[in-house]
Protein backbone atom coordinates (compact mmCIF):
# COMPACT_ATOMS: atom_id res chain seq x y z
CA MET A 1 0.00 0.00 0.00
CA ALA A 2 1.44 3.37 -0.97
CA ARG A 3 1.93 6.00 1.71
CA PRO A 4 -0.84 8.36 0.43
CA THR A 5 -3.28 5.43 0.44
CA ILE A 6 -2.43 4.55 4.06
CA LEU A 7 -2.94 8.17 5.05
CA ARG A 8 -6.32 8.25 3.29
CA VAL A 9 -7.44 5.12 5.12
CA LEU A 10 -6.28 6.54 8.44
CA LEU A 11 -8.14 9.79 7.76
CA LEU A 12 -11.25 7.91 6.65
CA ILE A 13 -11.80 6.37 10.08
CA PRO A 14 -12.29 9.63 12.04
CA ALA A 15 -14.19 11.12 9.08
CA ALA A 16 -16.61 8.17 9.06
CA TRP A 17 -17.04 8.45 12.84
CA ALA A 18 -17.75 12.19 12.56
CA ALA A 19 -20.23 11.51 9.76
CA TRP A 20 -21.99 8.94 11.95
CA LEU A 21 -22.27 11.40 14.86
CA LEU A 22 -23.55 14.19 12.58
CA PHE A 23 -26.03 11.78 10.99
CA GLU A 24 -27.35 10.84 14.42
CA ALA A 25 -27.58 14.50 15.47
CA ALA A 26 -29.63 15.37 12.36
CA HIS A 27 -31.84 12.32 12.91
CA GLU A 28 -32.51 13.13 16.56
CA ALA A 29 -33.10 16.81 15.70
CA GLY A 30 -35.96 15.58 13.53
CA HIS A 31 -37.51 13.72 16.44
CA VAL A 32 -37.13 16.82 18.63
CA LEU A 33 -38.74 19.08 15.99
CA HIS A 34 -41.69 16.74 15.51
CA ALA A 35 -42.13 16.26 19.25
CA ALA A 36 -42.29 20.02 19.78
CA ALA A 37 -44.63 20.51 16.81
CA SER A 38 -47.01 17.78 17.99
CA GLY A 39 -47.25 18.88 21.62
CA GLY A 40 -44.84 16.32 23.03
CA ARG A 41 -42.15 17.02 25.59
CA VAL A 42 -38.60 15.87 25.00
CA VAL A 43 -37.34 14.23 28.17
CA ARG A 44 -33.90 13.19 26.96
CA VAL A 45 -31.76 13.05 23.84
CA GLU A 46 -28.84 10.64 23.92
CA LEU A 47 -26.00 11.08 21.42
CA PRO A 48 -23.36 8.62 22.62
CA LEU A 49 -19.86 8.69 21.13
CA LEU A 50 -20.26 4.95 20.51
CA GLY A 51 -23.58 3.24 19.92
CA PHE A 52 -26.98 4.43 18.82
CA SER A 53 -28.73 7.69 19.60
CA ARG A 54 -32.25 8.03 20.95
CA THR A 55 -34.83 10.63 21.86
CA ASP A 56 -37.30 10.03 24.68
CA VAL A 57 -40.57 11.97 24.54
CA SER A 58 -43.14 12.01 27.35
CA PRO A 59 -45.92 12.79 27.00
CA ASN A 60 -45.95 11.87 23.35
CA PRO A 61 -49.42 12.59 21.97
CA CYS A 62 -48.42 11.75 18.36
CA PRO A 63 -45.83 8.95 18.47
CA ALA A 64 -46.03 8.17 14.74
CA ILE A 65 -45.39 11.82 13.84
CA VAL A 66 -42.41 11.91 16.20
CA ALA A 67 -41.08 8.64 14.77
CA TRP A 68 -41.28 9.97 11.19
CA GLY A 69 -39.40 13.11 12.22
CA GLY A 70 -36.05 11.38 12.70
CA PRO A 71 -35.67 9.77 9.29
CA ALA A 72 -37.41 12.65 7.50
CA TRP A 73 -35.32 15.52 8.88
CA GLY A 74 -32.28 13.29 9.21
CA SER A 75 -32.45 12.97 5.43
CA VAL A 76 -33.58 16.49 4.49
CA LEU A 77 -31.22 18.56 6.67
CA PRO A 78 -28.02 17.12 5.14
CA VAL A 79 -29.39 17.59 1.61
CA VAL A 80 -30.21 21.23 2.43
CA ALA A 81 -26.71 21.67 3.89
CA TRP A 82 -25.21 20.24 0.68
CA ALA A 83 -27.31 22.62 -1.43
CA ALA A 84 -26.15 25.55 0.71
CA VAL A 85 -22.43 24.96 0.09
CA PRO A 86 -21.29 27.36 -2.64
CA SER A 87 -20.04 25.78 -5.86
CA ARG A 88 -16.85 27.85 -5.57
CA TRP A 89 -15.86 25.45 -2.75
CA PRO A 90 -15.73 22.16 -4.70
CA ALA A 91 -14.03 20.07 -2.00
CA ALA A 92 -16.53 21.15 0.66
CA ARG A 93 -19.37 20.59 -1.80
CA ARG A 94 -18.19 17.04 -2.55
CA ALA A 95 -17.89 16.31 1.18
CA ALA A 96 -21.39 17.68 1.82
CA ARG A 97 -22.72 15.63 -1.10
CA ALA A 98 -21.09 12.46 0.25
CA PHE A 99 -22.54 13.16 3.70
CA ALA A 100 -26.02 13.85 2.29
CA GLY A 101 -25.89 10.56 0.39
CA PHE A 102 -24.75 8.75 3.52
CA CYS A 103 -27.64 10.17 5.55
CA LEU A 104 -30.18 9.22 2.89
CA VAL A 105 -28.83 5.67 2.65
CA ALA A 106 -28.55 5.28 6.43
CA ASN A 107 -32.01 6.65 7.25
CA GLY A 108 -33.62 4.75 4.39
CA SER A 109 -31.94 1.45 5.23
CA TYR A 110 -32.77 1.94 8.90
CA LEU A 111 -36.47 2.33 8.08
CA ALA A 112 -36.71 -0.45 5.51
CA ALA A 113 -34.70 -2.99 7.50
CA GLY A 114 -36.40 -2.04 10.76
CA CYS A 115 -39.69 -3.30 9.37
CA ALA A 116 -38.38 -6.85 9.28
CA GLY A 117 -37.65 -6.94 12.99
CA HIS A 118 -40.19 -4.32 14.10
CA VAL A 119 -37.35 -2.38 15.72
CA GLY A 120 -36.38 1.27 16.08
CA ASP A 121 -38.45 3.96 14.43
CA ALA A 122 -39.91 1.45 11.97
CA GLY A 123 -41.17 -0.64 14.88
CA ASP A 124 -42.71 2.46 16.47
CA LEU A 125 -44.38 3.39 13.18
CA LEU A 126 -45.81 -0.12 12.74
CA ARG A 127 -47.08 -0.23 16.34
CA HIS A 128 -48.85 3.09 15.82
CA GLY A 129 -50.66 2.12 12.63
CA THR A 130 -48.37 3.04 9.75
CA PRO A 131 -48.67 0.36 7.06
CA ALA A 132 -45.49 -1.68 6.58
CA TRP A 133 -45.54 -1.08 2.82
CA LEU A 134 -45.35 2.69 3.42
CA VAL A 135 -42.40 2.39 5.82
CA VAL A 136 -40.53 0.10 3.41
CA ALA A 137 -41.37 2.31 0.42
CA ALA A 138 -40.19 5.48 2.17
CA GLY A 139 -37.03 3.78 3.36
CA SER A 140 -36.30 2.29 -0.04
CA ALA A 141 -36.88 5.63 -1.77
CA ALA A 142 -34.53 7.43 0.63
CA ALA A 143 -31.82 4.77 0.24
CA ALA A 144 -32.15 4.87 -3.56
CA ALA A 145 -31.92 8.67 -3.48
CA GLY A 146 -28.75 8.39 -1.42
CA LEU A 147 -27.19 6.02 -3.94
CA TRP A 148 -28.14 8.45 -6.71
CA VAL A 149 -26.52 11.33 -4.78
CA TRP A 150 -23.35 9.26 -4.37
CA HIS A 151 -23.21 8.35 -8.06
CA GLY A 152 -20.12 9.86 -9.67
CA LEU A 153 -18.33 10.75 -6.43
CA GLY A 154 -15.72 8.02 -6.84
CA GLY A 155 -13.59 9.79 -9.40
CA ARG A 156 -11.79 13.08 -9.19
CA PRO A 157 -13.83 16.04 -10.41
CA ALA A 158 -12.62 17.46 -13.69
CA GLY A 159 -13.79 20.33 -15.81
CA ARG A 160 -17.53 20.67 -16.08
CA GLN A 161 -18.27 17.87 -13.62
CA ALA A 162 -16.53 19.82 -10.83
CA ALA A 163 -18.62 22.90 -11.61
CA ARG A 164 -21.87 20.92 -11.26
CA GLU A 165 -21.00 19.57 -7.80
């Protein structure tokens, strides 16, 4: 392995960890927003350095609305952040695009896969009357959108492609 490749791998680890923590923060912010909008009271938000985040709401008069908030805003906020990065900053724009794609794939996969085991937000949605097909469809659409956002990020930007990112 060449030295620049080793350095890239070593830098990828903390970058992936930071992306995970930011993804969780955006996801939990969605739960908090929906809890506040639906008359719920946020009791606790956990954002551990290792593990999975969670938001506890009590009372929670609209648990399905609060459950949708995490994956919805956890997907939308990073896409908005990507759109807000000026095109004159191509490296930052590529990083924001990669992060937005990651959040879409992660939130979508989390929803779609959660239906199988009735766990996490998907489990909450199913318990509160959301049809499984809708949860899987929303999750699949978000994950597919994330893959679409990632498409073309593997190579170095050149010419016109760099201007579009």
